Amino acid sequence: MKKILAPSILSADFANLGRDVLAAIDAGAEYVHIDVMDGMYVPQISFGNPVIKALRPLTDAIFDAHLMIEDPGRYIEDFAKAGADIITVHAETCTHLDRVVHQIKDCGKKAAVAVNPATPLSAIEYVLPELDMVLVMTVNPGFGGQKYIPYCGEKVRALRQMITEKNLDVDIQVDGGVKASNIAEIAECGANIFVCGSAVFEGDIQKNVKEILEQMNK
C-alpha cells in the first residue's frame, strides 16, 4: 500500500498555522492531521471547525480529522461541512460505534476508527469491513511529543494480518512518537499512514519532511 505522511498540526506554530501547513505539503506531505480535543476525553483542548474552515481554502491536501472527543456522533456533520476528508473517532468514545461509522459515510467522507494502546483489536473487528482506515495510537492520546510505545508494533502486525485475512482494503495509520529514526521499523510492521508532529514542525519543516519521507520509503 502507498505510504503517506500526515503531519499533525498540533505541533505547528499556531500563529503561523497556514504557513507551516503549506511548508509541510510543499515538501511532500499528502495529509494534514488535525487533532480535535475537547478537554474531557483527553485533558487538552485544541482545534475545532473554525480552524478547519480557515485552512481548507489553502490546499487540496487530504484533511484527516482525529476526533478525541466524547460522543463524537454529535459533530460528524459539522466536521464534514467544515472540510474534513477523513473523520476518525475513538472506539472508546462511541456507545454505538457502527452507527457513528455510518454517520461519517452518509456524509460522503472516509470513516476511520482509532484505538488506544491498551484497547484490544476486538473492539473494531466487526466494523472493520466498513472502515477506510484504522488509527493505532502508539502513545496515550492527549499530548504531543510523547515517546512511541514499543508493544504497539505487534498490534499493528496483528491488525495488518486481520485486514489481509479478511481481504479488505483498509489503511493503517499510526500516531504517537513517530519520527525519522523509527518510521521504517513501524512501516515494516504494516502501517502505511504516519502521523508526525514535533518531528515535522520543530526546526526546518521542509528538511524534516524530506528526511522522514526518505526513511519511510526505504
N, C-alpha and C. Protein backbone atom coordinates (compact mmCIF):
# COMPACT_ATOMS: atom_id res chain seq x y z
N MET A 1 0.84 -1.20 0.00
CA MET A 1 0.00 0.00 0.00
C MET A 1 0.88 1.25 0.00
N LYS A 2 0.34 2.31 -0.54
CA LYS A 2 1.08 3.56 -0.59
C LYS A 2 1.34 4.09 0.81
N LYS A 3 2.56 4.58 1.04
CA LYS A 3 2.91 5.17 2.32
C LYS A 3 2.70 6.68 2.27
N ILE A 4 2.09 7.21 3.31
CA ILE A 4 1.70 8.61 3.32
C ILE A 4 2.10 9.25 4.65
N LEU A 5 2.63 10.46 4.56
CA LEU A 5 2.96 11.23 5.76
C LEU A 5 1.82 12.20 6.07
N ALA A 6 1.40 12.22 7.34
CA ALA A 6 0.30 13.08 7.79
C ALA A 6 0.78 13.94 8.95
N PRO A 7 1.37 15.10 8.68
CA PRO A 7 1.84 15.97 9.76
C PRO A 7 0.70 16.41 10.67
N SER A 8 0.94 16.32 11.98
CA SER A 8 -0.05 16.75 12.96
C SER A 8 0.17 18.22 13.30
N ILE A 9 -0.83 19.05 12.98
CA ILE A 9 -0.66 20.48 13.19
C ILE A 9 -0.72 20.87 14.67
N LEU A 10 -0.95 19.91 15.54
CA LEU A 10 -0.90 20.18 16.97
C LEU A 10 0.48 20.70 17.38
N SER A 11 1.51 20.33 16.61
CA SER A 11 2.88 20.75 16.91
C SER A 11 3.34 21.94 16.08
N ALA A 12 2.46 22.47 15.24
CA ALA A 12 2.83 23.60 14.40
C ALA A 12 2.79 24.90 15.21
N ASP A 13 3.28 25.97 14.57
CA ASP A 13 3.23 27.30 15.16
C ASP A 13 1.82 27.86 14.95
N PHE A 14 1.04 27.95 16.03
CA PHE A 14 -0.36 28.36 15.89
C PHE A 14 -0.50 29.76 15.31
N ALA A 15 0.49 30.61 15.53
CA ALA A 15 0.43 31.97 15.00
C ALA A 15 0.69 32.01 13.49
N ASN A 16 1.25 30.92 12.97
CA ASN A 16 1.56 30.83 11.54
C ASN A 16 1.12 29.48 10.98
N LEU A 17 -0.08 29.09 11.33
CA LEU A 17 -0.55 27.74 11.02
C LEU A 17 -0.60 27.47 9.52
N GLY A 18 -1.15 28.41 8.76
CA GLY A 18 -1.22 28.24 7.32
C GLY A 18 0.15 28.10 6.69
N ARG A 19 1.08 28.92 7.13
CA ARG A 19 2.45 28.86 6.61
C ARG A 19 3.07 27.50 6.86
N ASP A 20 2.93 26.99 8.09
CA ASP A 20 3.55 25.71 8.44
C ASP A 20 2.91 24.55 7.68
N VAL A 21 1.60 24.59 7.55
CA VAL A 21 0.90 23.53 6.81
C VAL A 21 1.37 23.50 5.36
N LEU A 22 1.44 24.65 4.73
CA LEU A 22 1.87 24.70 3.32
C LEU A 22 3.32 24.27 3.16
N ALA A 23 4.16 24.60 4.14
CA ALA A 23 5.56 24.18 4.07
C ALA A 23 5.68 22.66 4.09
N ALA A 24 4.89 22.01 4.94
CA ALA A 24 4.93 20.55 5.02
C ALA A 24 4.40 19.91 3.74
N ILE A 25 3.33 20.47 3.20
CA ILE A 25 2.75 19.93 1.96
C ILE A 25 3.70 20.13 0.79
N ASP A 26 4.30 21.29 0.70
CA ASP A 26 5.24 21.57 -0.39
C ASP A 26 6.43 20.61 -0.36
N ALA A 27 6.78 20.15 0.82
CA ALA A 27 7.92 19.24 0.96
C ALA A 27 7.55 17.79 0.66
N GLY A 28 6.24 17.50 0.53
CA GLY A 28 5.84 16.14 0.14
C GLY A 28 4.82 15.46 1.02
N ALA A 29 4.38 16.11 2.09
CA ALA A 29 3.30 15.52 2.90
C ALA A 29 1.99 15.57 2.12
N GLU A 30 1.16 14.53 2.25
CA GLU A 30 -0.07 14.46 1.47
C GLU A 30 -1.33 14.66 2.33
N TYR A 31 -1.23 14.39 3.61
CA TYR A 31 -2.37 14.57 4.51
C TYR A 31 -2.05 15.69 5.50
N VAL A 32 -3.09 16.27 6.06
CA VAL A 32 -2.95 17.18 7.19
C VAL A 32 -3.75 16.58 8.34
N HIS A 33 -3.06 16.21 9.42
CA HIS A 33 -3.70 15.55 10.55
C HIS A 33 -4.13 16.60 11.56
N ILE A 34 -5.42 16.66 11.83
CA ILE A 34 -5.99 17.71 12.68
C ILE A 34 -6.53 17.08 13.96
N ASP A 35 -5.83 17.29 15.06
CA ASP A 35 -6.23 16.71 16.34
C ASP A 35 -7.27 17.59 17.02
N VAL A 36 -8.47 17.07 17.17
CA VAL A 36 -9.56 17.80 17.81
C VAL A 36 -9.74 17.24 19.21
N MET A 37 -9.50 18.09 20.24
CA MET A 37 -9.55 17.62 21.62
C MET A 37 -10.51 18.50 22.42
N ASP A 38 -11.31 17.86 23.25
CA ASP A 38 -12.42 18.56 23.92
C ASP A 38 -12.18 18.87 25.39
N GLY A 39 -11.03 18.47 25.94
CA GLY A 39 -10.78 18.71 27.35
C GLY A 39 -11.53 17.76 28.28
N MET A 40 -12.23 16.80 27.70
CA MET A 40 -12.98 15.83 28.50
C MET A 40 -12.45 14.41 28.26
N TYR A 41 -12.49 13.97 27.02
CA TYR A 41 -11.93 12.65 26.71
C TYR A 41 -10.42 12.66 26.91
N VAL A 42 -9.80 13.78 26.55
CA VAL A 42 -8.37 14.00 26.82
C VAL A 42 -8.23 15.33 27.55
N PRO A 43 -7.14 15.53 28.27
CA PRO A 43 -7.04 16.73 29.10
C PRO A 43 -6.97 18.04 28.33
N GLN A 44 -6.40 18.00 27.14
CA GLN A 44 -6.18 19.22 26.38
C GLN A 44 -7.43 19.66 25.61
N ILE A 45 -7.44 20.94 25.24
CA ILE A 45 -8.43 21.49 24.32
C ILE A 45 -7.65 22.01 23.11
N SER A 46 -8.10 21.68 21.90
CA SER A 46 -7.34 22.12 20.72
C SER A 46 -8.25 22.75 19.69
N PHE A 47 -8.20 22.21 18.47
CA PHE A 47 -8.86 22.82 17.33
C PHE A 47 -10.33 22.43 17.22
N GLY A 48 -11.09 23.27 16.54
CA GLY A 48 -12.47 22.97 16.20
C GLY A 48 -12.74 23.28 14.73
N ASN A 49 -14.00 23.31 14.38
CA ASN A 49 -14.39 23.55 12.99
C ASN A 49 -13.84 24.85 12.41
N PRO A 50 -13.79 25.95 13.15
CA PRO A 50 -13.28 27.20 12.55
C PRO A 50 -11.86 27.08 11.99
N VAL A 51 -11.01 26.31 12.66
CA VAL A 51 -9.64 26.14 12.18
C VAL A 51 -9.63 25.35 10.87
N ILE A 52 -10.44 24.30 10.80
CA ILE A 52 -10.53 23.51 9.57
C ILE A 52 -11.05 24.38 8.43
N LYS A 53 -12.08 25.15 8.69
CA LYS A 53 -12.65 26.04 7.67
C LYS A 53 -11.62 27.06 7.19
N ALA A 54 -10.81 27.58 8.11
CA ALA A 54 -9.82 28.58 7.75
C ALA A 54 -8.69 28.00 6.89
N LEU A 55 -8.31 26.74 7.17
CA LEU A 55 -7.23 26.11 6.42
C LEU A 55 -7.68 25.54 5.08
N ARG A 56 -8.93 25.17 4.99
CA ARG A 56 -9.41 24.45 3.81
C ARG A 56 -9.15 25.17 2.49
N PRO A 57 -9.33 26.49 2.38
CA PRO A 57 -9.08 27.14 1.10
C PRO A 57 -7.60 27.17 0.69
N LEU A 58 -6.70 26.87 1.61
CA LEU A 58 -5.28 26.99 1.32
C LEU A 58 -4.72 25.83 0.51
N THR A 59 -5.36 24.66 0.58
CA THR A 59 -4.77 23.46 -0.02
C THR A 59 -5.83 22.42 -0.36
N ASP A 60 -5.48 21.59 -1.34
CA ASP A 60 -6.33 20.44 -1.69
C ASP A 60 -5.88 19.16 -0.98
N ALA A 61 -4.90 19.26 -0.10
CA ALA A 61 -4.43 18.08 0.62
C ALA A 61 -5.56 17.46 1.43
N ILE A 62 -5.43 16.17 1.70
CA ILE A 62 -6.43 15.45 2.47
C ILE A 62 -6.41 15.93 3.91
N PHE A 63 -7.57 16.35 4.40
CA PHE A 63 -7.71 16.75 5.80
C PHE A 63 -8.22 15.56 6.61
N ASP A 64 -7.42 15.17 7.57
CA ASP A 64 -7.62 13.97 8.37
C ASP A 64 -7.96 14.42 9.79
N ALA A 65 -9.25 14.46 10.11
CA ALA A 65 -9.71 14.99 11.40
C ALA A 65 -9.80 13.87 12.43
N HIS A 66 -9.00 13.98 13.47
CA HIS A 66 -8.93 12.96 14.53
C HIS A 66 -9.70 13.49 15.73
N LEU A 67 -10.90 12.97 15.95
CA LEU A 67 -11.78 13.49 16.98
C LEU A 67 -11.54 12.79 18.31
N MET A 68 -10.76 13.42 19.15
CA MET A 68 -10.54 12.91 20.51
C MET A 68 -11.53 13.61 21.43
N ILE A 69 -12.80 13.27 21.23
CA ILE A 69 -13.88 13.96 21.94
C ILE A 69 -14.94 12.95 22.39
N GLU A 70 -15.64 13.31 23.43
CA GLU A 70 -16.75 12.48 23.91
C GLU A 70 -17.94 12.57 22.95
N ASP A 71 -18.60 11.45 22.75
CA ASP A 71 -19.82 11.39 21.94
C ASP A 71 -19.64 12.11 20.60
N PRO A 72 -18.71 11.66 19.77
CA PRO A 72 -18.39 12.36 18.52
C PRO A 72 -19.53 12.38 17.51
N GLY A 73 -20.48 11.47 17.64
CA GLY A 73 -21.60 11.45 16.69
C GLY A 73 -22.35 12.76 16.61
N ARG A 74 -22.29 13.55 17.68
CA ARG A 74 -22.98 14.84 17.70
C ARG A 74 -22.41 15.82 16.68
N TYR A 75 -21.17 15.62 16.26
CA TYR A 75 -20.46 16.64 15.49
C TYR A 75 -20.01 16.18 14.10
N ILE A 76 -20.35 14.96 13.73
CA ILE A 76 -19.87 14.42 12.46
C ILE A 76 -20.23 15.33 11.28
N GLU A 77 -21.48 15.73 11.19
CA GLU A 77 -21.91 16.56 10.06
C GLU A 77 -21.17 17.89 10.05
N ASP A 78 -20.93 18.46 11.23
CA ASP A 78 -20.22 19.75 11.31
C ASP A 78 -18.80 19.64 10.77
N PHE A 79 -18.11 18.57 11.12
CA PHE A 79 -16.75 18.41 10.63
C PHE A 79 -16.72 18.10 9.13
N ALA A 80 -17.69 17.36 8.67
CA ALA A 80 -17.79 17.10 7.24
C ALA A 80 -17.98 18.41 6.47
N LYS A 81 -18.86 19.25 6.95
CA LYS A 81 -19.13 20.52 6.27
C LYS A 81 -17.94 21.47 6.35
N ALA A 82 -17.16 21.36 7.42
CA ALA A 82 -16.01 22.24 7.59
C ALA A 82 -14.89 21.93 6.60
N GLY A 83 -14.88 20.71 6.07
CA GLY A 83 -13.87 20.38 5.06
C GLY A 83 -13.02 19.17 5.35
N ALA A 84 -13.35 18.39 6.39
CA ALA A 84 -12.60 17.16 6.66
C ALA A 84 -12.88 16.13 5.57
N ASP A 85 -11.85 15.40 5.17
CA ASP A 85 -11.99 14.33 4.16
C ASP A 85 -12.08 12.96 4.82
N ILE A 86 -11.34 12.79 5.89
CA ILE A 86 -11.37 11.57 6.70
C ILE A 86 -11.76 11.98 8.12
N ILE A 87 -12.70 11.27 8.70
CA ILE A 87 -13.09 11.57 10.08
C ILE A 87 -12.83 10.33 10.92
N THR A 88 -12.00 10.50 11.94
CA THR A 88 -11.62 9.40 12.82
C THR A 88 -12.24 9.59 14.19
N VAL A 89 -12.93 8.58 14.66
CA VAL A 89 -13.49 8.60 16.02
C VAL A 89 -12.83 7.50 16.83
N HIS A 90 -12.85 7.65 18.13
CA HIS A 90 -12.26 6.64 19.01
C HIS A 90 -13.30 5.57 19.36
N ALA A 91 -12.87 4.32 19.26
CA ALA A 91 -13.76 3.22 19.65
C ALA A 91 -14.21 3.39 21.09
N GLU A 92 -13.34 3.96 21.92
CA GLU A 92 -13.62 4.09 23.35
C GLU A 92 -14.69 5.14 23.65
N THR A 93 -14.99 6.03 22.71
CA THR A 93 -15.93 7.13 22.98
C THR A 93 -17.30 6.92 22.35
N CYS A 94 -17.47 5.83 21.61
CA CYS A 94 -18.72 5.62 20.87
C CYS A 94 -19.54 4.50 21.50
N THR A 95 -20.69 4.85 22.04
CA THR A 95 -21.59 3.82 22.58
C THR A 95 -22.08 2.92 21.47
N HIS A 96 -22.38 3.51 20.32
CA HIS A 96 -22.85 2.76 19.15
C HIS A 96 -21.90 3.04 17.98
N LEU A 97 -20.79 2.32 17.97
CA LEU A 97 -19.73 2.59 17.00
C LEU A 97 -20.20 2.41 15.56
N ASP A 98 -20.94 1.36 15.30
CA ASP A 98 -21.42 1.12 13.94
C ASP A 98 -22.25 2.30 13.44
N ARG A 99 -23.09 2.84 14.30
CA ARG A 99 -23.93 3.97 13.91
C ARG A 99 -23.09 5.19 13.54
N VAL A 100 -22.06 5.47 14.32
CA VAL A 100 -21.21 6.64 14.06
C VAL A 100 -20.42 6.45 12.76
N VAL A 101 -19.93 5.24 12.54
CA VAL A 101 -19.22 4.96 11.28
C VAL A 101 -20.12 5.26 10.09
N HIS A 102 -21.37 4.85 10.18
CA HIS A 102 -22.28 5.09 9.06
C HIS A 102 -22.69 6.56 8.96
N GLN A 103 -22.69 7.27 10.06
CA GLN A 103 -22.90 8.72 10.00
C GLN A 103 -21.83 9.38 9.14
N ILE A 104 -20.59 8.96 9.36
CA ILE A 104 -19.47 9.52 8.60
C ILE A 104 -19.64 9.21 7.11
N LYS A 105 -19.94 7.96 6.80
CA LYS A 105 -20.08 7.56 5.40
C LYS A 105 -21.28 8.23 4.74
N ASP A 106 -22.33 8.44 5.49
CA ASP A 106 -23.52 9.11 4.95
C ASP A 106 -23.23 10.56 4.59
N CYS A 107 -22.18 11.13 5.21
CA CYS A 107 -21.76 12.50 4.87
C CYS A 107 -20.80 12.51 3.68
N GLY A 108 -20.53 11.34 3.11
CA GLY A 108 -19.65 11.26 1.96
C GLY A 108 -18.17 11.30 2.30
N LYS A 109 -17.84 11.01 3.55
CA LYS A 109 -16.45 11.08 3.99
C LYS A 109 -15.90 9.68 4.29
N LYS A 110 -14.58 9.56 4.30
CA LYS A 110 -13.95 8.30 4.68
C LYS A 110 -14.05 8.13 6.19
N ALA A 111 -14.34 6.91 6.62
CA ALA A 111 -14.56 6.62 8.03
C ALA A 111 -13.37 5.86 8.61
N ALA A 112 -12.92 6.33 9.77
CA ALA A 112 -11.81 5.68 10.46
C ALA A 112 -12.13 5.58 11.94
N VAL A 113 -11.53 4.57 12.55
CA VAL A 113 -11.69 4.38 14.00
C VAL A 113 -10.31 4.26 14.62
N ALA A 114 -10.11 4.96 15.74
CA ALA A 114 -8.86 4.91 16.49
C ALA A 114 -9.00 3.99 17.69
N VAL A 115 -7.90 3.32 18.03
CA VAL A 115 -7.86 2.50 19.24
C VAL A 115 -6.62 2.89 20.04
N ASN A 116 -6.81 3.08 21.33
CA ASN A 116 -5.71 3.44 22.21
C ASN A 116 -4.78 2.25 22.44
N PRO A 117 -3.58 2.48 22.95
CA PRO A 117 -2.61 1.39 23.10
C PRO A 117 -3.15 0.16 23.82
N ALA A 118 -3.93 0.33 24.87
CA ALA A 118 -4.41 -0.81 25.65
C ALA A 118 -5.76 -1.35 25.18
N THR A 119 -6.34 -0.73 24.15
CA THR A 119 -7.63 -1.20 23.63
C THR A 119 -7.41 -2.37 22.68
N PRO A 120 -8.06 -3.51 22.90
CA PRO A 120 -7.85 -4.67 22.02
C PRO A 120 -8.46 -4.46 20.64
N LEU A 121 -7.89 -5.12 19.66
CA LEU A 121 -8.40 -5.01 18.29
C LEU A 121 -9.81 -5.59 18.16
N SER A 122 -10.21 -6.41 19.11
CA SER A 122 -11.57 -6.96 19.07
C SER A 122 -12.62 -5.85 19.13
N ALA A 123 -12.24 -4.67 19.62
CA ALA A 123 -13.18 -3.56 19.71
C ALA A 123 -13.63 -3.06 18.34
N ILE A 124 -12.82 -3.34 17.30
CA ILE A 124 -13.17 -2.87 15.95
C ILE A 124 -13.38 -4.00 14.95
N GLU A 125 -13.21 -5.24 15.41
CA GLU A 125 -13.22 -6.37 14.48
C GLU A 125 -14.48 -6.42 13.61
N TYR A 126 -15.63 -6.19 14.20
CA TYR A 126 -16.88 -6.36 13.45
C TYR A 126 -17.20 -5.18 12.54
N VAL A 127 -16.63 -4.00 12.83
CA VAL A 127 -16.88 -2.86 11.93
C VAL A 127 -15.76 -2.70 10.91
N LEU A 128 -14.72 -3.52 11.01
CA LEU A 128 -13.57 -3.38 10.12
C LEU A 128 -13.94 -3.35 8.63
N PRO A 129 -14.85 -4.19 8.16
CA PRO A 129 -15.22 -4.15 6.74
C PRO A 129 -15.85 -2.82 6.31
N GLU A 130 -16.34 -2.03 7.26
CA GLU A 130 -16.98 -0.75 6.94
C GLU A 130 -15.99 0.40 6.94
N LEU A 131 -14.75 0.16 7.34
CA LEU A 131 -13.80 1.24 7.56
C LEU A 131 -12.88 1.46 6.36
N ASP A 132 -12.42 2.70 6.25
CA ASP A 132 -11.39 3.05 5.28
C ASP A 132 -10.01 3.05 5.94
N MET A 133 -9.98 3.26 7.24
CA MET A 133 -8.71 3.36 7.95
C MET A 133 -8.90 3.02 9.42
N VAL A 134 -7.86 2.44 10.00
CA VAL A 134 -7.79 2.26 11.46
C VAL A 134 -6.58 3.03 11.94
N LEU A 135 -6.78 3.83 12.98
CA LEU A 135 -5.68 4.55 13.61
C LEU A 135 -5.26 3.81 14.88
N VAL A 136 -4.05 3.29 14.87
CA VAL A 136 -3.48 2.66 16.05
C VAL A 136 -2.69 3.72 16.81
N MET A 137 -3.20 4.11 17.97
CA MET A 137 -2.48 5.07 18.79
C MET A 137 -1.24 4.39 19.37
N THR A 138 -0.09 5.01 19.17
CA THR A 138 1.16 4.44 19.67
C THR A 138 1.70 5.24 20.85
N VAL A 139 0.85 6.14 21.34
CA VAL A 139 1.00 6.78 22.67
C VAL A 139 -0.40 6.91 23.23
N ASN A 140 -0.51 7.22 24.50
CA ASN A 140 -1.82 7.52 25.05
C ASN A 140 -2.21 8.93 24.63
N PRO A 141 -3.41 9.12 24.13
CA PRO A 141 -3.77 10.38 23.48
C PRO A 141 -3.88 11.55 24.44
N GLY A 142 -3.64 12.73 23.87
CA GLY A 142 -3.86 13.95 24.64
C GLY A 142 -2.73 14.95 24.63
N PHE A 143 -1.50 14.47 24.38
CA PHE A 143 -0.35 15.37 24.40
C PHE A 143 0.60 15.03 23.27
N GLY A 144 1.19 16.06 22.65
CA GLY A 144 2.22 15.83 21.66
C GLY A 144 3.56 15.57 22.32
N GLY A 145 4.51 15.08 21.51
CA GLY A 145 5.87 14.91 21.99
C GLY A 145 6.13 13.70 22.85
N GLN A 146 5.19 12.75 22.93
CA GLN A 146 5.40 11.55 23.75
C GLN A 146 6.25 10.51 23.02
N LYS A 147 6.78 9.56 23.78
CA LYS A 147 7.60 8.50 23.19
C LYS A 147 6.73 7.36 22.68
N TYR A 148 7.12 6.82 21.56
CA TYR A 148 6.46 5.66 20.95
C TYR A 148 6.46 4.47 21.91
N ILE A 149 5.31 3.81 22.05
CA ILE A 149 5.19 2.64 22.91
C ILE A 149 5.54 1.38 22.09
N PRO A 150 6.64 0.70 22.40
CA PRO A 150 7.14 -0.37 21.54
C PRO A 150 6.16 -1.51 21.26
N TYR A 151 5.34 -1.91 22.25
CA TYR A 151 4.46 -3.07 22.01
C TYR A 151 3.41 -2.79 20.95
N CYS A 152 3.23 -1.53 20.60
CA CYS A 152 2.23 -1.20 19.57
C CYS A 152 2.61 -1.75 18.20
N GLY A 153 3.90 -2.03 17.99
CA GLY A 153 4.32 -2.62 16.72
C GLY A 153 3.66 -3.97 16.48
N GLU A 154 3.57 -4.78 17.53
CA GLU A 154 2.92 -6.09 17.40
C GLU A 154 1.42 -5.93 17.16
N LYS A 155 0.86 -4.89 17.72
CA LYS A 155 -0.57 -4.62 17.49
C LYS A 155 -0.82 -4.27 16.03
N VAL A 156 0.08 -3.47 15.47
CA VAL A 156 -0.02 -3.12 14.04
C VAL A 156 0.11 -4.38 13.18
N ARG A 157 1.05 -5.25 13.53
CA ARG A 157 1.21 -6.51 12.77
C ARG A 157 -0.07 -7.34 12.82
N ALA A 158 -0.65 -7.45 14.00
CA ALA A 158 -1.87 -8.24 14.15
C ALA A 158 -3.02 -7.63 13.35
N LEU A 159 -3.10 -6.33 13.34
CA LEU A 159 -4.16 -5.66 12.58
C LEU A 159 -3.96 -5.86 11.09
N ARG A 160 -2.73 -5.74 10.62
CA ARG A 160 -2.47 -5.96 9.19
C ARG A 160 -2.83 -7.38 8.79
N GLN A 161 -2.53 -8.34 9.66
CA GLN A 161 -2.88 -9.73 9.38
C GLN A 161 -4.40 -9.90 9.33
N MET A 162 -5.10 -9.26 10.24
CA MET A 162 -6.56 -9.32 10.26
C MET A 162 -7.16 -8.74 8.97
N ILE A 163 -6.62 -7.63 8.52
CA ILE A 163 -7.09 -6.99 7.29
C ILE A 163 -6.83 -7.88 6.09
N THR A 164 -5.64 -8.47 6.06
CA THR A 164 -5.27 -9.35 4.94
C THR A 164 -6.16 -10.59 4.91
N GLU A 165 -6.39 -11.20 6.07
CA GLU A 165 -7.21 -12.41 6.13
C GLU A 165 -8.65 -12.15 5.70
N LYS A 166 -9.13 -10.95 5.94
CA LYS A 166 -10.49 -10.58 5.56
C LYS A 166 -10.55 -10.02 4.13
N ASN A 167 -9.36 -9.92 3.49
CA ASN A 167 -9.26 -9.42 2.11
C ASN A 167 -9.87 -8.02 1.98
N LEU A 168 -9.48 -7.14 2.90
CA LEU A 168 -10.02 -5.78 2.94
C LEU A 168 -8.99 -4.77 2.45
N ASP A 169 -9.48 -3.63 2.01
CA ASP A 169 -8.62 -2.52 1.59
C ASP A 169 -8.74 -1.42 2.65
N VAL A 170 -7.98 -1.56 3.72
CA VAL A 170 -8.07 -0.65 4.86
C VAL A 170 -6.66 -0.15 5.20
N ASP A 171 -6.52 1.16 5.28
CA ASP A 171 -5.24 1.74 5.68
C ASP A 171 -5.03 1.58 7.18
N ILE A 172 -3.75 1.51 7.57
CA ILE A 172 -3.39 1.54 8.99
C ILE A 172 -2.57 2.80 9.24
N GLN A 173 -3.10 3.64 10.09
CA GLN A 173 -2.39 4.85 10.48
C GLN A 173 -1.83 4.67 11.89
N VAL A 174 -0.65 5.23 12.13
CA VAL A 174 -0.07 5.23 13.47
C VAL A 174 0.17 6.67 13.90
N ASP A 175 -0.03 6.92 15.18
CA ASP A 175 0.07 8.28 15.70
C ASP A 175 0.67 8.23 17.10
N GLY A 176 1.85 8.83 17.23
CA GLY A 176 2.47 8.93 18.55
C GLY A 176 3.93 8.53 18.56
N GLY A 177 4.82 9.49 18.70
CA GLY A 177 6.24 9.19 18.80
C GLY A 177 6.88 8.72 17.52
N VAL A 178 6.22 8.98 16.38
CA VAL A 178 6.76 8.55 15.08
C VAL A 178 7.75 9.61 14.58
N LYS A 179 8.93 9.17 14.18
CA LYS A 179 9.96 10.10 13.70
C LYS A 179 10.86 9.38 12.70
N ALA A 180 11.80 10.12 12.16
CA ALA A 180 12.65 9.57 11.11
C ALA A 180 13.41 8.33 11.57
N SER A 181 13.80 8.31 12.84
CA SER A 181 14.64 7.21 13.33
C SER A 181 13.88 5.91 13.54
N ASN A 182 12.55 5.95 13.61
CA ASN A 182 11.81 4.69 13.83
C ASN A 182 10.73 4.42 12.79
N ILE A 183 10.55 5.31 11.84
CA ILE A 183 9.43 5.17 10.91
C ILE A 183 9.58 3.95 10.00
N ALA A 184 10.79 3.62 9.60
CA ALA A 184 10.98 2.44 8.74
C ALA A 184 10.60 1.16 9.48
N GLU A 185 10.96 1.09 10.75
CA GLU A 185 10.61 -0.08 11.57
C GLU A 185 9.10 -0.20 11.74
N ILE A 186 8.43 0.93 11.94
CA ILE A 186 6.97 0.93 12.10
C ILE A 186 6.30 0.54 10.79
N ALA A 187 6.83 1.02 9.68
CA ALA A 187 6.28 0.66 8.37
C ALA A 187 6.40 -0.84 8.11
N GLU A 188 7.51 -1.42 8.56
CA GLU A 188 7.73 -2.85 8.37
C GLU A 188 6.68 -3.67 9.11
N CYS A 189 6.10 -3.11 10.16
CA CYS A 189 5.05 -3.80 10.92
C CYS A 189 3.73 -3.84 10.16
N GLY A 190 3.56 -2.95 9.17
CA GLY A 190 2.34 -2.98 8.37
C GLY A 190 1.58 -1.68 8.29
N ALA A 191 2.05 -0.65 8.97
CA ALA A 191 1.39 0.65 8.87
C ALA A 191 1.74 1.32 7.54
N ASN A 192 0.83 2.16 7.04
CA ASN A 192 1.14 2.86 5.79
C ASN A 192 0.82 4.36 5.83
N ILE A 193 0.21 4.85 6.91
CA ILE A 193 -0.01 6.28 7.06
C ILE A 193 0.57 6.68 8.42
N PHE A 194 1.41 7.72 8.41
CA PHE A 194 2.22 8.03 9.58
C PHE A 194 1.98 9.47 10.03
N VAL A 195 1.50 9.62 11.25
CA VAL A 195 1.30 10.94 11.83
C VAL A 195 2.58 11.35 12.56
N CYS A 196 3.12 12.48 12.17
CA CYS A 196 4.31 13.03 12.82
C CYS A 196 4.01 14.47 13.20
N GLY A 197 4.26 14.81 14.45
CA GLY A 197 4.00 16.16 14.92
C GLY A 197 5.28 16.95 15.10
N SER A 198 5.89 16.82 16.28
CA SER A 198 7.12 17.57 16.56
C SER A 198 8.24 17.18 15.61
N ALA A 199 8.24 15.93 15.12
CA ALA A 199 9.28 15.50 14.18
C ALA A 199 9.23 16.28 12.88
N VAL A 200 8.07 16.84 12.55
CA VAL A 200 7.92 17.66 11.35
C VAL A 200 8.12 19.14 11.66
N PHE A 201 7.45 19.62 12.71
CA PHE A 201 7.31 21.06 12.88
C PHE A 201 8.37 21.71 13.78
N GLU A 202 9.20 20.93 14.44
CA GLU A 202 10.27 21.52 15.24
C GLU A 202 11.52 21.69 14.37
N GLY A 203 11.89 22.94 14.12
CA GLY A 203 13.05 23.20 13.28
C GLY A 203 12.66 23.48 11.84
N ASP A 204 13.47 23.01 10.92
CA ASP A 204 13.27 23.24 9.48
C ASP A 204 12.23 22.24 8.96
N ILE A 205 11.02 22.72 8.70
CA ILE A 205 9.91 21.84 8.34
C ILE A 205 10.20 21.06 7.07
N GLN A 206 10.64 21.74 6.04
CA GLN A 206 10.85 21.06 4.76
C GLN A 206 11.98 20.04 4.85
N LYS A 207 13.04 20.39 5.56
CA LYS A 207 14.14 19.44 5.75
C LYS A 207 13.65 18.22 6.53
N ASN A 208 12.87 18.46 7.58
CA ASN A 208 12.35 17.36 8.40
C ASN A 208 11.48 16.43 7.57
N VAL A 209 10.57 17.00 6.78
CA VAL A 209 9.67 16.19 5.96
C VAL A 209 10.45 15.33 4.97
N LYS A 210 11.41 15.91 4.32
CA LYS A 210 12.19 15.17 3.33
C LYS A 210 12.95 14.01 3.97
N GLU A 211 13.49 14.25 5.17
CA GLU A 211 14.20 13.18 5.88
C GLU A 211 13.25 12.06 6.28
N ILE A 212 12.08 12.43 6.77
CA ILE A 212 11.08 11.42 7.17
C ILE A 212 10.63 10.61 5.96
N LEU A 213 10.36 11.29 4.85
CA LEU A 213 9.92 10.58 3.64
C LEU A 213 11.00 9.62 3.13
N GLU A 214 12.23 10.04 3.23
CA GLU A 214 13.35 9.18 2.79
C GLU A 214 13.39 7.91 3.63
N GLN A 215 13.28 8.04 4.95
CA GLN A 215 13.30 6.87 5.83
C GLN A 215 12.04 6.03 5.67
N MET A 216 10.91 6.68 5.46
CA MET A 216 9.63 5.99 5.33
C MET A 216 9.60 5.07 4.12
N ASN A 217 10.26 5.49 3.06
CA ASN A 217 10.19 4.76 1.80
C ASN A 217 11.38 3.85 1.55
N LYS A 218 12.16 3.57 2.60
CA LYS A 218 13.30 2.65 2.45
C LYS A 218 12.81 1.23 2.13
